Structure formats: structure tokens, C-alpha cells
Amino acid sequence: MQGSDQRSPRFRGRLAAPMTFDVVRIAEHIHGHLGWLATAILVHPAVLLRDRKRRAHLAVGLAVLFPTVVGAVGMWVYGPYRDRIKQSIFIDARWVGLLFERKEHLAFAAILLSWAGGAA
């Protein structure tokens, strides 16, 4: 069976490109890891501020700044994601595409609420 393609017909041709240095792909990986770190950073001021007498200006400032920066990286990655990947995700697995959309809305809400909490 030399020369026959064993992959599924819907994936044929997509995996043939050699791996190249892609800044957007690296930024996407960094964005994913920093997103999880931003989630932990959002919880940190809540733990510190259980004692009402304690001041935690640096923790609150970082809890606003860090998710905002991670969200900005996400906005930068969104253009190439929309152009290259989004349609094929929805074609192959609609539910995965809907999870990506939900993640974007939750990230926006987290950034908005972090700014509201920082202003309070």
C-alpha cells in the first residue's frame, strides 16, 4: 500500500505542510498558558483581602493588569485564528467551535469584572 493515504478524507492535505516557525502559533501557546496563570492571579487578591485590615494594592493591580495583557494577546491572535482555523473547527466539530466562542465571552467578562473589582 505504498503511496496510499491512510488518513481520514476530511483531513487529507491538511497535514502535508512541513512545520515552520510561526509567530502566531507560538503566541497562541503562550496565550493559553498565560490565561491559566491569569485565572490564578484573579483569585490571589480574594485570598489576601479576607482580612479587611490588609492592603493589597499590588495584588489588585496585577489582577487587573495581567488578564488585560493576556486578553490583548488573545485579541492579536484572534485575527489569524478566524482566518485560518475557525471555519474548519466548526465544520469538523461544531461543539468545539462553540466552546471556543464561549471561552472568548468568558474571558471578556473576566477582564471586565477584574477592572470593576480594581476600581472598587
Protein backbone atom coordinates (compact mmCIF):
# COMPACT_ATOMS: atom_id res chain seq x y z
CA MET A 1 0.00 0.00 0.00
CA GLN A 2 2.80 2.35 -0.74
CA GLY A 3 1.57 5.75 -1.80
CA SER A 4 -1.95 5.35 -0.40
CA ASP A 5 -3.12 7.88 2.13
CA GLN A 6 -4.35 6.22 5.34
CA ARG A 7 -5.74 9.40 6.86
CA SER A 8 -9.41 10.27 7.01
CA PRO A 9 -10.65 12.02 3.81
CA ARG A 10 -11.60 15.18 5.69
CA PHE A 11 -8.02 15.61 6.99
CA ARG A 12 -6.25 14.71 3.74
CA GLY A 13 -3.97 17.51 2.61
CA ARG A 14 -4.06 19.48 5.86
CA LEU A 15 -1.13 17.68 7.48
CA ALA A 16 1.19 17.74 4.48
CA ALA A 17 2.79 21.14 5.23
CA PRO A 18 6.16 20.98 6.97
CA MET A 19 6.48 22.59 10.38
CA THR A 20 7.62 26.18 10.08
CA PHE A 21 8.36 28.91 12.56
CA ASP A 22 5.01 30.58 13.08
CA VAL A 23 4.87 33.54 15.45
CA VAL A 24 1.09 33.31 15.75
CA ARG A 25 1.25 29.66 16.81
CA ILE A 26 3.84 30.46 19.47
CA ALA A 27 1.74 33.41 20.67
CA GLU A 28 -1.30 31.11 20.83
CA HIS A 29 0.56 28.67 23.09
CA ILE A 30 1.83 31.48 25.30
CA HIS A 31 -1.67 32.97 25.44
CA GLY A 32 -3.12 29.64 26.60
CA HIS A 33 -0.57 29.19 29.37
CA LEU A 34 -0.83 32.81 30.50
CA GLY A 35 -4.63 32.51 30.51
CA TRP A 36 -4.44 29.80 33.16
CA LEU A 37 -1.95 31.90 35.12
CA ALA A 38 -4.29 34.90 34.85
CA THR A 39 -7.06 32.78 36.37
CA ALA A 40 -4.88 32.05 39.39
CA ILE A 41 -3.86 35.70 39.64
CA LEU A 42 -7.53 36.73 39.74
CA VAL A 43 -8.07 34.55 42.81
CA HIS A 44 -4.98 35.81 44.67
CA PRO A 45 -6.38 39.20 45.86
CA ALA A 46 -9.52 37.48 47.15
CA VAL A 47 -7.34 35.30 49.35
CA LEU A 48 -5.23 38.23 50.54
CA LEU A 49 -8.18 40.51 51.22
CA ARG A 50 -10.06 38.12 53.50
CA ASP A 51 -8.64 40.25 56.32
CA ARG A 52 -10.36 43.61 55.87
CA LYS A 53 -7.48 45.48 57.52
CA ARG A 54 -4.95 44.29 54.96
CA ARG A 55 -4.00 46.35 51.94
CA ALA A 56 -3.09 44.54 48.76
CA HIS A 57 -2.71 47.24 46.13
CA LEU A 58 -0.02 45.40 44.19
CA ALA A 59 -2.03 42.16 44.08
CA VAL A 60 -5.15 44.00 42.94
CA GLY A 61 -3.20 45.96 40.33
CA LEU A 62 -1.66 42.79 38.94
CA ALA A 63 -5.08 41.08 38.98
CA VAL A 64 -6.30 43.85 36.67
CA LEU A 65 -3.20 44.28 34.52
CA PHE A 66 -2.26 40.65 33.87
CA PRO A 67 -5.63 39.42 32.49
CA THR A 68 -5.84 42.60 30.41
CA VAL A 69 -2.46 41.91 28.80
CA VAL A 70 -3.37 38.25 28.22
CA GLY A 71 -6.65 39.39 26.65
CA ALA A 72 -4.75 41.79 24.38
CA VAL A 73 -2.58 38.89 23.19
CA GLY A 74 -5.80 36.93 22.60
CA MET A 75 -7.20 39.78 20.52
CA TRP A 76 -3.98 39.83 18.47
CA VAL A 77 -4.19 36.06 17.88
CA TYR A 78 -7.92 36.19 17.05
CA GLY A 79 -7.44 37.57 13.50
CA PRO A 80 -5.25 34.73 12.24
CA TYR A 81 -7.39 32.21 14.19
CA ARG A 82 -10.52 33.50 12.44
CA ASP A 83 -8.84 33.47 9.03
CA ARG A 84 -7.06 30.10 9.24
CA ILE A 85 -8.74 27.82 11.77
CA LYS A 86 -12.22 28.86 12.87
CA GLN A 87 -14.16 27.61 9.86
CA SER A 88 -12.51 24.18 9.85
CA ILE A 89 -13.18 23.80 13.60
CA PHE A 90 -16.88 24.48 13.08
CA ILE A 91 -17.02 22.13 10.08
CA ASP A 92 -15.24 19.24 11.82
CA ALA A 93 -16.64 19.63 15.34
CA ARG A 94 -19.26 22.31 15.84
CA TRP A 95 -19.34 21.80 19.62
CA VAL A 96 -15.59 22.56 19.87
CA GLY A 97 -16.13 25.77 17.94
CA LEU A 98 -18.93 26.74 20.28
CA LEU A 99 -16.65 26.08 23.26
CA PHE A 100 -14.08 28.46 21.73
CA GLU A 101 -16.78 31.11 21.34
CA ARG A 102 -17.91 30.63 24.95
CA LYS A 103 -14.29 30.90 26.14
CA GLU A 104 -13.93 34.25 24.37
CA HIS A 105 -17.06 35.62 26.04
CA LEU A 106 -16.00 34.37 29.48
CA ALA A 107 -12.54 35.90 29.03
CA PHE A 108 -14.11 39.26 28.16
CA ALA A 109 -16.33 39.03 31.25
CA ALA A 110 -13.34 38.15 33.46
CA ILE A 111 -11.40 41.17 32.21
CA LEU A 112 -14.40 43.45 32.66
CA LEU A 113 -15.03 42.18 36.18
CA SER A 114 -11.35 42.49 37.09
CA TRP A 115 -11.47 46.16 36.12
CA ALA A 116 -14.68 46.62 38.12
CA GLY A 117 -13.07 44.94 41.14
CA GLY A 118 -9.91 47.02 40.76
CA ALA A 119 -11.94 50.22 40.64
CA ALA A 120 -13.88 49.30 43.79
